[in-house]
Amino acid sequence: MPSILFVCTANQFRSPLAAAKFSRMLSTKELEREWTVSSAGTWAEGGLPLHPKAIQAAAKLGLTLKEHTTREVNKDMLNKADLIVVMEHGHREALESEFPECKERICLLSEVAGGSATDIDDPARTNFAEADAIAQRILDEVQKACVSLMDLARRNQAARSVVKPQN
């Protein structure tokens, strides 16, 4: 079962939204039971609800995230993930520094979506004034990247499942 972990900073807006959109896309392809999709934050405090603006933005886009609670990324999550999708270059750098064994499985969402490798802004930096626009960008990026994300995760899963011969 391939697995994707979406990562942002606080796990209260961007990564849960991306995970929900990706899960929705899998369900339209009737593949949701064949995948594990989750989210976490690099600086998240575990167990918090989503920011209300995230719930509102998700609802406007047809997604329900009321049951989500935040999780801080950890080694176990990263080790289980076939693909780790981050929102910012800083997330990639932090994870690669702290968990170098995961380096080859980390990608920037905007890059996989076929655009330039740009950060997806944290709406908390704008006091959530741009929350709707950021939410729409996330959904658009996941939409564009869906097939590539699936391919990368499957490829990584296959590579990770190959048993190395012992000498």
N, C-alpha and C. Protein backbone atom coordinates (compact mmCIF):
# COMPACT_ATOMS: atom_id res chain seq x y z
N MET A 1 0.84 -1.18 0.00
CA MET A 1 0.00 0.00 0.00
C MET A 1 0.89 1.24 0.00
N PRO A 2 0.90 2.02 -1.08
CA PRO A 2 1.72 3.24 -1.12
C PRO A 2 1.23 4.25 -0.09
N SER A 3 2.16 5.06 0.41
CA SER A 3 1.79 6.06 1.40
C SER A 3 2.43 7.40 1.09
N ILE A 4 1.64 8.45 1.32
CA ILE A 4 2.11 9.82 1.12
C ILE A 4 1.86 10.59 2.40
N LEU A 5 2.88 11.35 2.79
CA LEU A 5 2.78 12.23 3.95
C LEU A 5 2.97 13.66 3.46
N PHE A 6 1.96 14.51 3.68
CA PHE A 6 2.05 15.93 3.35
C PHE A 6 2.50 16.67 4.60
N VAL A 7 3.46 17.58 4.43
CA VAL A 7 4.05 18.27 5.57
C VAL A 7 4.04 19.78 5.36
N CYS A 8 3.62 20.50 6.40
CA CYS A 8 3.75 21.96 6.43
C CYS A 8 4.36 22.32 7.79
N THR A 9 4.09 23.50 8.28
CA THR A 9 4.70 23.93 9.53
C THR A 9 3.89 23.49 10.75
N ALA A 10 2.65 23.96 10.86
CA ALA A 10 1.85 23.70 12.06
C ALA A 10 0.83 22.58 11.88
N ASN A 11 0.66 22.09 10.66
CA ASN A 11 -0.32 21.04 10.36
C ASN A 11 -1.74 21.51 10.68
N GLN A 12 -1.96 22.81 10.48
CA GLN A 12 -3.29 23.36 10.74
C GLN A 12 -3.96 23.94 9.50
N PHE A 13 -3.27 23.91 8.35
CA PHE A 13 -3.88 24.49 7.16
C PHE A 13 -3.41 23.77 5.89
N ARG A 14 -2.18 24.00 5.50
CA ARG A 14 -1.71 23.57 4.18
C ARG A 14 -1.65 22.05 4.01
N SER A 15 -0.94 21.35 4.88
CA SER A 15 -0.79 19.91 4.69
C SER A 15 -2.10 19.14 4.88
N PRO A 16 -2.95 19.50 5.83
CA PRO A 16 -4.23 18.78 5.91
C PRO A 16 -5.11 19.01 4.68
N LEU A 17 -5.05 20.23 4.15
CA LEU A 17 -5.82 20.54 2.96
C LEU A 17 -5.31 19.74 1.76
N ALA A 18 -3.99 19.68 1.61
CA ALA A 18 -3.39 18.91 0.51
C ALA A 18 -3.73 17.43 0.65
N ALA A 19 -3.64 16.90 1.86
CA ALA A 19 -3.95 15.48 2.08
C ALA A 19 -5.42 15.19 1.77
N ALA A 20 -6.30 16.09 2.19
CA ALA A 20 -7.74 15.89 1.92
C ALA A 20 -8.03 15.92 0.43
N LYS A 21 -7.40 16.84 -0.28
CA LYS A 21 -7.61 16.93 -1.74
C LYS A 21 -7.07 15.67 -2.43
N PHE A 22 -5.89 15.24 -2.03
CA PHE A 22 -5.31 14.04 -2.65
C PHE A 22 -6.19 12.83 -2.36
N SER A 23 -6.67 12.71 -1.13
CA SER A 23 -7.57 11.60 -0.78
C SER A 23 -8.84 11.65 -1.61
N ARG A 24 -9.39 12.84 -1.79
CA ARG A 24 -10.59 13.00 -2.61
C ARG A 24 -10.33 12.55 -4.04
N MET A 25 -9.18 12.90 -4.57
CA MET A 25 -8.84 12.50 -5.94
C MET A 25 -8.68 10.98 -6.04
N LEU A 26 -8.10 10.37 -5.01
CA LEU A 26 -8.00 8.92 -5.01
C LEU A 26 -9.38 8.28 -4.98
N SER A 27 -10.29 8.87 -4.21
CA SER A 27 -11.63 8.29 -4.11
C SER A 27 -12.38 8.38 -5.44
N THR A 28 -12.13 9.42 -6.21
CA THR A 28 -12.79 9.52 -7.51
C THR A 28 -12.26 8.46 -8.48
N LYS A 29 -11.06 7.98 -8.21
CA LYS A 29 -10.47 6.92 -9.01
C LYS A 29 -10.70 5.55 -8.38
N GLU A 30 -11.47 5.55 -7.26
CA GLU A 30 -11.75 4.34 -6.49
C GLU A 30 -10.48 3.65 -6.01
N LEU A 31 -9.52 4.46 -5.58
CA LEU A 31 -8.23 3.95 -5.11
C LEU A 31 -7.96 4.25 -3.64
N GLU A 32 -8.89 4.92 -2.96
CA GLU A 32 -8.62 5.37 -1.60
C GLU A 32 -8.27 4.26 -0.63
N ARG A 33 -8.78 3.06 -0.84
CA ARG A 33 -8.48 1.94 0.08
C ARG A 33 -7.11 1.34 -0.18
N GLU A 34 -6.50 1.71 -1.30
CA GLU A 34 -5.20 1.17 -1.66
C GLU A 34 -4.05 2.08 -1.22
N TRP A 35 -4.37 3.21 -0.61
CA TRP A 35 -3.36 4.20 -0.26
C TRP A 35 -3.49 4.61 1.20
N THR A 36 -2.36 5.09 1.75
CA THR A 36 -2.35 5.74 3.05
C THR A 36 -1.93 7.19 2.80
N VAL A 37 -2.79 8.10 3.21
CA VAL A 37 -2.54 9.54 3.02
C VAL A 37 -2.65 10.21 4.38
N SER A 38 -1.64 10.97 4.76
CA SER A 38 -1.66 11.64 6.05
C SER A 38 -0.94 12.98 5.96
N SER A 39 -0.96 13.71 7.06
CA SER A 39 -0.28 15.00 7.12
C SER A 39 0.32 15.20 8.50
N ALA A 40 1.31 16.10 8.56
CA ALA A 40 1.97 16.44 9.82
C ALA A 40 2.66 17.78 9.65
N GLY A 41 3.18 18.31 10.76
CA GLY A 41 3.86 19.59 10.72
C GLY A 41 5.24 19.52 11.33
N THR A 42 6.13 20.33 10.80
CA THR A 42 7.51 20.35 11.30
C THR A 42 7.60 21.00 12.67
N TRP A 43 6.70 21.94 12.95
CA TRP A 43 6.68 22.63 14.24
C TRP A 43 5.30 22.52 14.89
N ALA A 44 4.62 21.45 14.64
CA ALA A 44 3.25 21.30 15.12
C ALA A 44 3.21 20.89 16.59
N GLU A 45 2.19 21.39 17.25
CA GLU A 45 1.86 20.92 18.59
C GLU A 45 0.75 19.91 18.40
N GLY A 46 0.95 18.68 18.79
CA GLY A 46 -0.01 17.63 18.55
C GLY A 46 -1.36 17.83 19.22
N GLY A 47 -2.42 17.37 18.53
CA GLY A 47 -3.76 17.34 19.10
C GLY A 47 -4.60 18.59 18.97
N LEU A 48 -4.10 19.61 18.27
CA LEU A 48 -4.88 20.83 18.10
C LEU A 48 -5.83 20.71 16.91
N PRO A 49 -6.93 21.44 16.94
CA PRO A 49 -7.83 21.44 15.78
C PRO A 49 -7.24 22.29 14.66
N LEU A 50 -7.85 22.18 13.50
CA LEU A 50 -7.46 23.05 12.39
C LEU A 50 -7.78 24.49 12.73
N HIS A 51 -7.10 25.38 12.06
CA HIS A 51 -7.45 26.79 12.19
C HIS A 51 -8.83 26.97 11.58
N PRO A 52 -9.71 27.77 12.18
CA PRO A 52 -11.05 27.97 11.64
C PRO A 52 -11.06 28.41 10.17
N LYS A 53 -10.07 29.20 9.78
CA LYS A 53 -9.99 29.63 8.37
C LYS A 53 -9.73 28.44 7.44
N ALA A 54 -9.02 27.44 7.92
CA ALA A 54 -8.78 26.24 7.11
C ALA A 54 -10.07 25.47 6.92
N ILE A 55 -10.86 25.37 7.98
CA ILE A 55 -12.15 24.68 7.88
C ILE A 55 -13.06 25.41 6.91
N GLN A 56 -13.09 26.76 7.00
CA GLN A 56 -13.91 27.56 6.09
C GLN A 56 -13.45 27.42 4.65
N ALA A 57 -12.14 27.54 4.44
CA ALA A 57 -11.60 27.44 3.09
C ALA A 57 -11.87 26.05 2.51
N ALA A 58 -11.70 25.03 3.31
CA ALA A 58 -11.95 23.65 2.85
C ALA A 58 -13.41 23.47 2.49
N ALA A 59 -14.31 24.00 3.31
CA ALA A 59 -15.74 23.86 3.06
C ALA A 59 -16.13 24.53 1.75
N LYS A 60 -15.55 25.70 1.48
CA LYS A 60 -15.82 26.41 0.22
C LYS A 60 -15.38 25.59 -0.98
N LEU A 61 -14.40 24.73 -0.76
CA LEU A 61 -13.85 23.93 -1.85
C LEU A 61 -14.39 22.49 -1.82
N GLY A 62 -15.38 22.25 -0.97
CA GLY A 62 -16.04 20.95 -0.94
C GLY A 62 -15.34 19.88 -0.13
N LEU A 63 -14.46 20.27 0.77
CA LEU A 63 -13.73 19.31 1.60
C LEU A 63 -14.12 19.49 3.07
N THR A 64 -14.18 18.39 3.79
CA THR A 64 -14.50 18.43 5.22
C THR A 64 -13.25 18.05 6.01
N LEU A 65 -12.85 18.92 6.91
CA LEU A 65 -11.65 18.67 7.71
C LEU A 65 -11.90 18.85 9.20
N LYS A 66 -13.14 18.84 9.63
CA LYS A 66 -13.48 19.11 11.03
C LYS A 66 -12.88 18.10 12.00
N GLU A 67 -12.65 16.88 11.56
CA GLU A 67 -12.14 15.82 12.45
C GLU A 67 -10.62 15.85 12.61
N HIS A 68 -9.94 16.65 11.81
CA HIS A 68 -8.47 16.67 11.83
C HIS A 68 -7.93 17.25 13.13
N THR A 69 -6.89 16.62 13.67
CA THR A 69 -6.11 17.20 14.75
C THR A 69 -4.64 17.17 14.33
N THR A 70 -3.90 18.13 14.80
CA THR A 70 -2.52 18.29 14.37
C THR A 70 -1.61 17.17 14.88
N ARG A 71 -0.55 16.95 14.10
CA ARG A 71 0.47 15.96 14.48
C ARG A 71 1.83 16.54 14.14
N GLU A 72 2.78 16.33 15.02
CA GLU A 72 4.15 16.73 14.73
C GLU A 72 4.84 15.60 13.98
N VAL A 73 5.54 15.95 12.94
CA VAL A 73 6.24 14.94 12.15
C VAL A 73 7.28 14.25 13.03
N ASN A 74 7.45 12.96 12.82
CA ASN A 74 8.46 12.23 13.58
C ASN A 74 9.09 11.15 12.69
N LYS A 75 10.11 10.54 13.20
CA LYS A 75 10.89 9.57 12.43
C LYS A 75 10.02 8.39 11.97
N ASP A 76 9.14 7.91 12.82
CA ASP A 76 8.28 6.79 12.47
C ASP A 76 7.38 7.13 11.28
N MET A 77 6.76 8.30 11.31
CA MET A 77 5.91 8.74 10.18
C MET A 77 6.72 8.80 8.89
N LEU A 78 7.88 9.40 8.99
CA LEU A 78 8.72 9.57 7.80
C LEU A 78 9.19 8.22 7.26
N ASN A 79 9.53 7.31 8.16
CA ASN A 79 9.97 5.99 7.71
C ASN A 79 8.86 5.21 7.02
N LYS A 80 7.62 5.43 7.42
CA LYS A 80 6.50 4.73 6.81
C LYS A 80 6.08 5.33 5.47
N ALA A 81 6.42 6.58 5.24
CA ALA A 81 5.99 7.28 4.03
C ALA A 81 6.85 6.94 2.83
N ASP A 82 6.19 6.58 1.75
CA ASP A 82 6.91 6.35 0.49
C ASP A 82 7.26 7.67 -0.19
N LEU A 83 6.46 8.69 0.08
CA LEU A 83 6.69 10.01 -0.48
C LEU A 83 6.32 11.04 0.57
N ILE A 84 7.19 12.03 0.74
CA ILE A 84 6.99 13.11 1.70
C ILE A 84 6.89 14.40 0.89
N VAL A 85 5.74 15.04 0.93
CA VAL A 85 5.48 16.22 0.11
C VAL A 85 5.43 17.44 1.02
N VAL A 86 6.35 18.38 0.78
CA VAL A 86 6.45 19.58 1.62
C VAL A 86 5.94 20.81 0.89
N MET A 87 5.62 21.84 1.65
CA MET A 87 5.06 23.07 1.10
C MET A 87 6.13 24.14 0.86
N GLU A 88 7.24 24.06 1.57
CA GLU A 88 8.28 25.09 1.49
C GLU A 88 9.67 24.46 1.43
N HIS A 89 10.59 25.20 0.84
CA HIS A 89 11.99 24.76 0.82
C HIS A 89 12.50 24.54 2.24
N GLY A 90 12.09 25.39 3.17
CA GLY A 90 12.53 25.27 4.57
C GLY A 90 12.10 23.95 5.20
N HIS A 91 10.92 23.45 4.81
CA HIS A 91 10.48 22.15 5.33
C HIS A 91 11.41 21.06 4.82
N ARG A 92 11.73 21.12 3.53
CA ARG A 92 12.64 20.12 2.95
C ARG A 92 13.98 20.16 3.66
N GLU A 93 14.54 21.36 3.81
CA GLU A 93 15.85 21.49 4.46
C GLU A 93 15.83 20.97 5.89
N ALA A 94 14.78 21.30 6.63
CA ALA A 94 14.70 20.85 8.03
C ALA A 94 14.61 19.33 8.11
N LEU A 95 13.77 18.74 7.28
CA LEU A 95 13.61 17.28 7.32
C LEU A 95 14.89 16.58 6.84
N GLU A 96 15.50 17.09 5.79
CA GLU A 96 16.73 16.47 5.29
C GLU A 96 17.85 16.56 6.32
N SER A 97 17.87 17.66 7.07
CA SER A 97 18.90 17.82 8.09
C SER A 97 18.69 16.88 9.27
N GLU A 98 17.44 16.81 9.74
CA GLU A 98 17.16 15.99 10.92
C GLU A 98 16.99 14.51 10.59
N PHE A 99 16.51 14.21 9.38
CA PHE A 99 16.24 12.83 8.97
C PHE A 99 16.87 12.56 7.60
N PRO A 100 18.19 12.54 7.51
CA PRO A 100 18.86 12.40 6.20
C PRO A 100 18.49 11.12 5.45
N GLU A 101 18.06 10.10 6.17
CA GLU A 101 17.68 8.84 5.52
C GLU A 101 16.43 8.99 4.66
N CYS A 102 15.72 10.08 4.81
CA CYS A 102 14.48 10.32 4.05
C CYS A 102 14.69 11.24 2.85
N LYS A 103 15.88 11.74 2.67
CA LYS A 103 16.17 12.78 1.68
C LYS A 103 15.63 12.46 0.29
N GLU A 104 15.80 11.25 -0.16
CA GLU A 104 15.40 10.88 -1.53
C GLU A 104 13.89 10.79 -1.71
N ARG A 105 13.14 10.81 -0.62
CA ARG A 105 11.68 10.68 -0.71
C ARG A 105 10.94 11.99 -0.47
N ILE A 106 11.70 13.09 -0.33
CA ILE A 106 11.09 14.39 -0.05
C ILE A 106 10.99 15.20 -1.34
N CYS A 107 9.82 15.79 -1.56
CA CYS A 107 9.65 16.65 -2.73
C CYS A 107 8.81 17.87 -2.37
N LEU A 108 8.97 18.92 -3.14
CA LEU A 108 8.23 20.15 -2.97
C LEU A 108 6.98 20.08 -3.86
N LEU A 109 5.81 20.32 -3.29
CA LEU A 109 4.56 20.18 -4.03
C LEU A 109 4.56 20.99 -5.32
N SER A 110 4.97 22.24 -5.28
CA SER A 110 4.93 23.07 -6.48
C SER A 110 5.82 22.52 -7.59
N GLU A 111 6.91 21.91 -7.21
CA GLU A 111 7.84 21.34 -8.19
C GLU A 111 7.21 20.13 -8.89
N VAL A 112 6.57 19.26 -8.12
CA VAL A 112 5.93 18.07 -8.68
C VAL A 112 4.75 18.46 -9.57
N ALA A 113 4.12 19.58 -9.24
CA ALA A 113 2.97 20.06 -10.01
C ALA A 113 3.39 20.62 -11.37
N GLY A 114 4.69 20.66 -11.61
CA GLY A 114 5.18 21.09 -12.92
C GLY A 114 5.50 22.56 -13.02
N GLY A 115 5.36 23.27 -11.95
CA GLY A 115 5.69 24.69 -11.96
C GLY A 115 7.10 24.91 -11.47
N SER A 116 7.39 26.17 -11.19
CA SER A 116 8.70 26.45 -10.61
C SER A 116 8.67 26.03 -9.14
N ALA A 117 9.82 25.78 -8.63
CA ALA A 117 9.93 25.31 -7.24
C ALA A 117 9.77 26.49 -6.29
N THR A 118 8.51 26.85 -6.04
CA THR A 118 8.23 27.98 -5.16
C THR A 118 7.51 27.50 -3.90
N ASP A 119 7.68 28.24 -2.84
CA ASP A 119 7.01 27.93 -1.59
C ASP A 119 5.51 28.24 -1.71
N ILE A 120 4.72 27.45 -1.04
CA ILE A 120 3.30 27.77 -0.87
C ILE A 120 3.22 28.46 0.48
N ASP A 121 2.87 29.74 0.44
CA ASP A 121 2.91 30.57 1.64
C ASP A 121 2.04 30.02 2.76
N ASP A 122 2.49 30.30 3.98
CA ASP A 122 1.74 29.95 5.17
C ASP A 122 0.74 31.08 5.41
N PRO A 123 -0.55 30.78 5.41
CA PRO A 123 -1.53 31.85 5.61
C PRO A 123 -1.41 32.53 6.98
N ALA A 124 -0.78 31.88 7.93
CA ALA A 124 -0.58 32.49 9.25
C ALA A 124 0.32 33.73 9.13
N ARG A 125 1.17 33.76 8.12
CA ARG A 125 2.06 34.91 7.93
C ARG A 125 1.30 36.16 7.49
N THR A 126 0.11 35.99 6.95
CA THR A 126 -0.69 37.13 6.50
C THR A 126 -1.92 37.31 7.38
N ASN A 127 -1.89 36.74 8.57
CA ASN A 127 -3.03 36.78 9.48
C ASN A 127 -4.28 36.19 8.81
N PHE A 128 -4.06 35.22 7.96
CA PHE A 128 -5.09 34.48 7.25
C PHE A 128 -5.91 35.34 6.29
N ALA A 129 -5.41 36.52 5.94
CA ALA A 129 -6.10 37.38 4.98
C ALA A 129 -6.13 36.74 3.59
N GLU A 130 -5.16 35.90 3.28
CA GLU A 130 -5.07 35.27 1.96
C GLU A 130 -5.40 33.78 2.03
N ALA A 131 -6.11 33.37 3.05
CA ALA A 131 -6.39 31.95 3.27
C ALA A 131 -7.10 31.30 2.09
N ASP A 132 -8.11 31.94 1.54
CA ASP A 132 -8.86 31.34 0.43
C ASP A 132 -7.98 31.17 -0.81
N ALA A 133 -7.18 32.17 -1.11
CA ALA A 133 -6.30 32.09 -2.28
C ALA A 133 -5.24 31.00 -2.09
N ILE A 134 -4.70 30.90 -0.89
CA ILE A 134 -3.70 29.88 -0.61
C ILE A 134 -4.33 28.49 -0.68
N ALA A 135 -5.54 28.35 -0.12
CA ALA A 135 -6.24 27.06 -0.19
C ALA A 135 -6.48 26.67 -1.64
N GLN A 136 -6.91 27.61 -2.45
CA GLN A 136 -7.15 27.31 -3.86
C GLN A 136 -5.86 26.90 -4.56
N ARG A 137 -4.76 27.57 -4.25
CA ARG A 137 -3.48 27.21 -4.86
C ARG A 137 -3.09 25.78 -4.48
N ILE A 138 -3.28 25.42 -3.21
CA ILE A 138 -2.94 24.07 -2.76
C ILE A 138 -3.74 23.04 -3.56
N LEU A 139 -5.03 23.27 -3.66
CA LEU A 139 -5.88 22.33 -4.39
C LEU A 139 -5.50 22.24 -5.86
N ASP A 140 -5.18 23.38 -6.46
CA ASP A 140 -4.74 23.39 -7.85
C ASP A 140 -3.44 22.62 -8.03
N GLU A 141 -2.50 22.83 -7.11
CA GLU A 141 -1.20 22.15 -7.19
C GLU A 141 -1.37 20.63 -7.03
N VAL A 142 -2.20 20.22 -6.09
CA VAL A 142 -2.43 18.78 -5.89
C VAL A 142 -3.11 18.19 -7.13
N GLN A 143 -4.06 18.93 -7.68
CA GLN A 143 -4.75 18.47 -8.90
C GLN A 143 -3.74 18.24 -10.03
N LYS A 144 -2.85 19.21 -10.24
CA LYS A 144 -1.84 19.10 -11.30
C LYS A 144 -0.85 17.98 -11.03
N ALA A 145 -0.52 17.78 -9.76
CA ALA A 145 0.53 16.84 -9.38
C ALA A 145 0.04 15.43 -9.11
N CYS A 146 -1.24 15.20 -9.10
CA CYS A 146 -1.81 13.93 -8.63
C CYS A 146 -1.15 12.70 -9.26
N VAL A 147 -1.12 12.65 -10.57
CA VAL A 147 -0.56 11.46 -11.24
C VAL A 147 0.92 11.33 -10.94
N SER A 148 1.65 12.45 -10.95
CA SER A 148 3.08 12.40 -10.64
C SER A 148 3.33 11.97 -9.20
N LEU A 149 2.51 12.46 -8.27
CA LEU A 149 2.65 12.04 -6.87
C LEU A 149 2.42 10.54 -6.73
N MET A 150 1.39 10.05 -7.41
CA MET A 150 1.10 8.61 -7.36
C MET A 150 2.27 7.81 -7.93
N ASP A 151 2.79 8.25 -9.06
CA ASP A 151 3.92 7.55 -9.69
C ASP A 151 5.16 7.55 -8.79
N LEU A 152 5.47 8.72 -8.22
CA LEU A 152 6.64 8.82 -7.34
C LEU A 152 6.49 7.93 -6.11
N ALA A 153 5.32 7.95 -5.51
CA ALA A 153 5.09 7.13 -4.31
C ALA A 153 5.21 5.64 -4.65
N ARG A 154 4.63 5.25 -5.75
CA ARG A 154 4.70 3.83 -6.15
C ARG A 154 6.14 3.43 -6.46
N ARG A 155 6.86 4.28 -7.15
CA ARG A 155 8.25 4.00 -7.48
C ARG A 155 9.09 3.87 -6.20
N ASN A 156 8.89 4.80 -5.28
CA ASN A 156 9.62 4.75 -4.01
C ASN A 156 9.25 3.51 -3.21
N GLN A 157 7.97 3.16 -3.22
CA GLN A 157 7.52 1.97 -2.50
C GLN A 157 8.20 0.73 -3.08
N ALA A 158 8.25 0.63 -4.40
CA ALA A 158 8.88 -0.52 -5.04
C ALA A 158 10.37 -0.57 -4.71
N ALA A 159 11.02 0.57 -4.75
CA ALA A 159 12.45 0.62 -4.46
C ALA A 159 12.73 0.25 -3.00
N ARG A 160 11.86 0.68 -2.12
CA ARG A 160 12.05 0.39 -0.68
C ARG A 160 11.75 -1.06 -0.36
N SER A 161 10.93 -1.73 -1.16
CA SER A 161 10.57 -3.11 -0.86
C SER A 161 11.56 -4.12 -1.43
N VAL A 162 12.50 -3.65 -2.26
CA VAL A 162 13.50 -4.55 -2.81
C VAL A 162 14.45 -4.96 -1.69
N VAL A 163 14.59 -6.24 -1.53
CA VAL A 163 15.47 -6.76 -0.49
C VAL A 163 16.88 -6.78 -1.04
N LYS A 164 17.79 -6.13 -0.31
CA LYS A 164 19.18 -6.07 -0.74
C LYS A 164 19.86 -7.39 -0.39
N PRO A 165 20.60 -7.96 -1.35
CA PRO A 165 21.30 -9.21 -1.07
C PRO A 165 22.39 -8.99 -0.02
N GLN A 166 22.54 -9.99 0.84
CA GLN A 166 23.58 -9.91 1.86
C GLN A 166 24.87 -10.48 1.30
N ASN A 167 25.97 -9.88 1.70
CA ASN A 167 27.29 -10.35 1.22
C ASN A 167 27.84 -11.41 2.12
